[in-house]
C-alpha atoms as a PDB file:
ATOM      1  CA  MET A   1       5.787  19.293 -42.780  1.00  0.00           C
ATOM      2  CA  ASP A   2       2.205  18.736 -41.820  1.00  0.00           C
ATOM      3  CA  LEU A   3       0.503  15.318 -42.548  1.00  0.00           C
ATOM      4  CA  ARG A   4      -2.241  16.721 -44.031  1.00  0.00           C
ATOM      5  CA  LYS A   5      -0.521  18.580 -46.437  1.00  0.00           C
ATOM      6  CA  GLN A   6       1.813  15.956 -46.975  1.00  0.00           C
ATOM      7  CA  GLN A   7      -1.553  13.396 -47.830  1.00  0.00           C
ATOM      8  CA  ARG A   8      -2.619  16.175 -50.033  1.00  0.00           C
ATOM      9  CA  ALA A   9       0.650  16.344 -51.937  1.00  0.00           C
ATOM     10  CA  VAL A  10       0.716  12.457 -52.526  1.00  0.00           C
ATOM     11  CA  ILE A  11      -2.967  12.506 -53.731  1.00  0.00           C
ATOM     12  CA  ASP A  12      -2.551  15.417 -56.246  1.00  0.00           C
ATOM     13  CA  ALA A  13       0.448  13.412 -57.785  1.00  0.00           C
ATOM     14  CA  LEU A  14      -1.725  10.454 -58.218  1.00  0.00           C
ATOM     15  CA  GLU A  15      -4.453  12.405 -59.566  1.00  0.00           C
ATOM     16  CA  ASP A  16      -1.983  14.018 -62.051  1.00  0.00           C
ATOM     17  CA  VAL A  17      -1.014  10.901 -63.706  1.00  0.00           C
ATOM     18  CA  LYS A  18      -4.586   9.643 -63.697  1.00  0.00           C
ATOM     19  CA  ALA A  19      -4.275   7.056 -60.731  1.00  0.00           C
ATOM     20  CA  GLN A  20      -7.960   5.053 -60.050  1.00  0.00           C
ATOM     21  CA  ASP A  21      -9.724   4.442 -56.799  1.00  0.00           C
ATOM     22  CA  ILE A  22      -7.341   6.410 -54.373  1.00  0.00           C
ATOM     23  CA  LYS A  23      -7.588   5.127 -50.654  1.00  0.00           C
ATOM     24  CA  VAL A  24      -6.117   6.786 -47.707  1.00  0.00           C
ATOM     25  CA  PHE A  25      -5.843   4.932 -44.455  1.00  0.00           C
ATOM     26  CA  ASN A  26      -5.099   6.214 -41.085  1.00  0.00           C
ATOM     27  CA  THR A  27      -2.718   3.686 -39.604  1.00  0.00           C
ATOM     28  CA  ALA A  28      -1.458   5.551 -36.487  1.00  0.00           C
ATOM     29  CA  HIS A  29      -3.453   3.189 -34.217  1.00  0.00           C
ATOM     30  CA  LEU A  30      -1.969   0.298 -35.941  1.00  0.00           C
ATOM     31  CA  THR A  31       1.637   1.087 -36.071  1.00  0.00           C
ATOM     32  CA  SER A  32       4.257   3.349 -34.801  1.00  0.00           C
ATOM     33  CA  LEU A  33       5.850   3.249 -38.142  1.00  0.00           C
ATOM     34  CA  PHE A  34       3.754   5.509 -40.165  1.00  0.00           C
ATOM     35  CA  ASP A  35       0.593   7.467 -40.103  1.00  0.00           C
ATOM     36  CA  ARG A  36      -1.059   6.824 -43.439  1.00  0.00           C
ATOM     37  CA  VAL A  37      -1.109   4.273 -46.107  1.00  0.00           C
ATOM     38  CA  VAL A  38      -2.626   5.214 -49.449  1.00  0.00           C
ATOM     39  CA  VAL A  39      -3.588   2.572 -52.149  1.00  0.00           C
ATOM     40  CA  ALA A  40      -4.055   3.526 -55.747  1.00  0.00           C
ATOM     41  CA  SER A  41      -4.639   1.768 -59.025  1.00  0.00           C
ATOM     42  CA  ALA A  42      -2.906   1.673 -62.269  1.00  0.00           C
ATOM     43  CA  THR A  43      -3.840   0.207 -65.782  1.00  0.00           C
ATOM     44  CA  SER A  44      -0.617  -0.907 -66.802  1.00  0.00           C
ATOM     45  CA  ASN A  45       3.012  -1.147 -65.663  1.00  0.00           C
ATOM     46  CA  ARG A  46       3.813   1.946 -67.448  1.00  0.00           C
ATOM     47  CA  GLN A  47       1.409   3.953 -65.186  1.00  0.00           C
ATOM     48  CA  THR A  48       2.525   2.326 -62.402  1.00  0.00           C
ATOM     49  CA  ARG A  49       6.007   3.649 -62.799  1.00  0.00           C
ATOM     50  CA  ALA A  50       5.032   6.784 -63.948  1.00  0.00           C
ATOM     51  CA  LEU A  51       2.747   7.495 -61.062  1.00  0.00           C
ATOM     52  CA  ALA A  52       5.495   6.427 -58.399  1.00  0.00           C
ATOM     53  CA  ASN A  53       7.628   8.772 -60.387  1.00  0.00           C
ATOM     54  CA  ARG A  54       5.526  11.778 -59.877  1.00  0.00           C
ATOM     55  CA  VAL A  55       4.871  11.240 -56.206  1.00  0.00           C
ATOM     56  CA  LYS A  56       8.559  10.942 -55.777  1.00  0.00           C
ATOM     57  CA  GLU A  57       8.912  14.113 -57.697  1.00  0.00           C
ATOM     58  CA  LYS A  58       6.164  16.040 -55.785  1.00  0.00           C
ATOM     59  CA  ALA A  59       8.000  14.675 -52.515  1.00  0.00           C
ATOM     60  CA  HIS A  60      10.978  16.146 -53.493  1.00  0.00           C
ATOM     61  CA  ASP A  61       9.598  19.352 -54.436  1.00  0.00           C
ATOM     62  CA  LEU A  62       8.078  19.857 -51.023  1.00  0.00           C
ATOM     63  CA  GLY A  63      11.083  18.571 -49.184  1.00  0.00           C
ATOM     64  CA  ILE A  64       9.771  15.305 -48.162  1.00  0.00           C
ATOM     65  CA  ASP A  65      12.280  12.362 -47.657  1.00  0.00           C
ATOM     66  CA  VAL A  66      11.642   9.372 -50.439  1.00  0.00           C
ATOM     67  CA  ILE A  67      13.053   6.952 -47.799  1.00  0.00           C
ATOM     68  CA  ALA A  68      12.649   3.747 -50.323  1.00  0.00           C
ATOM     69  CA  THR A  69      11.082   2.368 -53.161  1.00  0.00           C
ATOM     70  CA  GLU A  70      10.170  -1.196 -54.255  1.00  0.00           C
ATOM     71  CA  GLY A  71       8.763  -2.627 -57.367  1.00  0.00           C
ATOM     72  CA  GLU A  72       9.721  -0.377 -60.124  1.00  0.00           C
ATOM     73  CA  GLU A  73      11.417  -3.331 -61.861  1.00  0.00           C
ATOM     74  CA  THR A  74       8.254  -5.439 -62.450  1.00  0.00           C
ATOM     75  CA  GLY A  75       5.584  -1.942 -62.470  1.00  0.00           C
ATOM     76  CA  GLU A  76       2.839  -4.402 -61.071  1.00  0.00           C
ATOM     77  CA  TRP A  77       3.234  -3.260 -57.433  1.00  0.00           C
ATOM     78  CA  VAL A  78       5.384  -0.308 -56.897  1.00  0.00           C
ATOM     79  CA  LEU A  79       5.649   0.913 -53.051  1.00  0.00           C
ATOM     80  CA  VAL A  80       7.008   4.714 -52.342  1.00  0.00           C
ATOM     81  CA  ASP A  81       7.993   4.724 -48.573  1.00  0.00           C
ATOM     82  CA  LEU A  82       7.786   9.002 -47.428  1.00  0.00           C
ATOM     83  CA  GLY A  83       7.814   7.735 -43.915  1.00  0.00           C
ATOM     84  CA  ASP A  84       4.636   9.227 -42.531  1.00  0.00           C
ATOM     85  CA  ILE A  85       3.012   8.014 -45.417  1.00  0.00           C
ATOM     86  CA  VAL A  86       3.564   4.790 -47.396  1.00  0.00           C
ATOM     87  CA  VAL A  87       2.171   4.426 -50.776  1.00  0.00           C
ATOM     88  CA  HIS A  88       1.083   1.567 -52.882  1.00  0.00           C
ATOM     89  CA  ILE A  89       0.604   1.683 -56.181  1.00  0.00           C
ATOM     90  CA  MET A  90      -0.676  -1.368 -57.967  1.00  0.00           C
ATOM     91  CA  GLN A  91      -2.769  -3.219 -61.111  1.00  0.00           C
ATOM     92  CA  PRO A  92      -6.269  -3.755 -60.157  1.00  0.00           C
ATOM     93  CA  ALA A  93      -5.841  -8.045 -60.337  1.00  0.00           C
ATOM     94  CA  ILE A  94      -2.671  -7.518 -57.357  1.00  0.00           C
ATOM     95  CA  ARG A  95      -4.641  -5.154 -55.708  1.00  0.00           C
ATOM     96  CA  GLN A  96      -7.620  -7.442 -55.593  1.00  0.00           C
ATOM     97  CA  TYR A  97      -5.546 -10.212 -54.808  1.00  0.00           C
ATOM     98  CA  TYR A  98      -3.587  -8.997 -52.079  1.00  0.00           C
ATOM     99  CA  ALA A  99      -6.434  -6.750 -50.185  1.00  0.00           C
ATOM    100  CA  LEU A 100      -4.482  -4.286 -48.787  1.00  0.00           C
ATOM    101  CA  GLU A 101      -7.499  -2.189 -47.687  1.00  0.00           C
ATOM    102  CA  GLU A 102      -8.664  -4.664 -45.686  1.00  0.00           C
ATOM    103  CA  VAL A 103      -5.301  -5.287 -43.781  1.00  0.00           C
ATOM    104  CA  TRP A 104      -5.045  -1.548 -43.340  1.00  0.00           C
ATOM    105  CA  GLY A 105      -8.332  -1.123 -41.553  1.00  0.00           C
ATOM    106  CA  GLY A 106     -12.033  -0.488 -43.102  1.00  0.00           C
ATOM    107  CA  LYS A 107     -12.870   2.885 -43.369  1.00  0.00           C
ATOM    108  CA  PRO A 108     -10.731   4.802 -45.761  1.00  0.00           C
ATOM    109  CA  VAL A 109      -9.849   8.777 -44.601  1.00  0.00           C
ATOM    110  CA  ARG A 110     -12.029  11.407 -45.913  1.00  0.00           C
ATOM    111  CA  VAL A 111     -10.385  13.439 -48.162  1.00  0.00           C
ATOM    112  CA  LYS A 112     -11.503  16.708 -49.678  1.00  0.00           C
ATOM    113  CA  LEU A 113     -10.945  18.167 -52.667  1.00  0.00           C
ATOM    114  CA  ALA A 114      -8.294  20.946 -51.988  1.00  0.00           C
ATOM    115  CA  SER A 115      -9.265  24.331 -53.418  1.00  0.00           C
ATOM    116  CA  PRO A 116      -8.280  28.110 -52.771  1.00  0.00           C
ATOM    117  CA  SER A 117     -12.107  28.212 -50.844  1.00  0.00           C
ATOM    118  CA  THR A 118     -11.718  24.827 -49.054  1.00  0.00           C
ATOM    119  CA  PRO A 119      -9.793  23.121 -46.340  1.00  0.00           C
ATOM    120  CA  GLU A 120      -6.859  20.841 -47.615  1.00  0.00           C
ATOM    121  CA  ALA A 121      -7.354  17.342 -46.674  1.00  0.00           C
ATOM    122  CA  SER A 122      -9.250  15.934 -43.090  1.00  0.00           C
END
């Protein structure tokens, strides 16, 4: 499946469960392991788990393999590995402490809202 469609599916899944401050980073120039890192915030352990579950459900529906999931036990930081895209769902204090935005590179990918009259995501 096209990377932009996968990216859009992840963002849609996160928006479905009201994730906050969603950022997408292009990591293709930094590592050959994955092409995108998505970072999103959740307000509680329950919401981080719900967001991770929604991302996994959406991936499954589209035939995208879920390689691994980590952190669901505590729910403070849940990672969902989809191969080309790695999704980090974090509570704000954890997100601020680890500052993944700085690790994966400054400027996020610009993402457009999908609608019938506009292209998917850039």
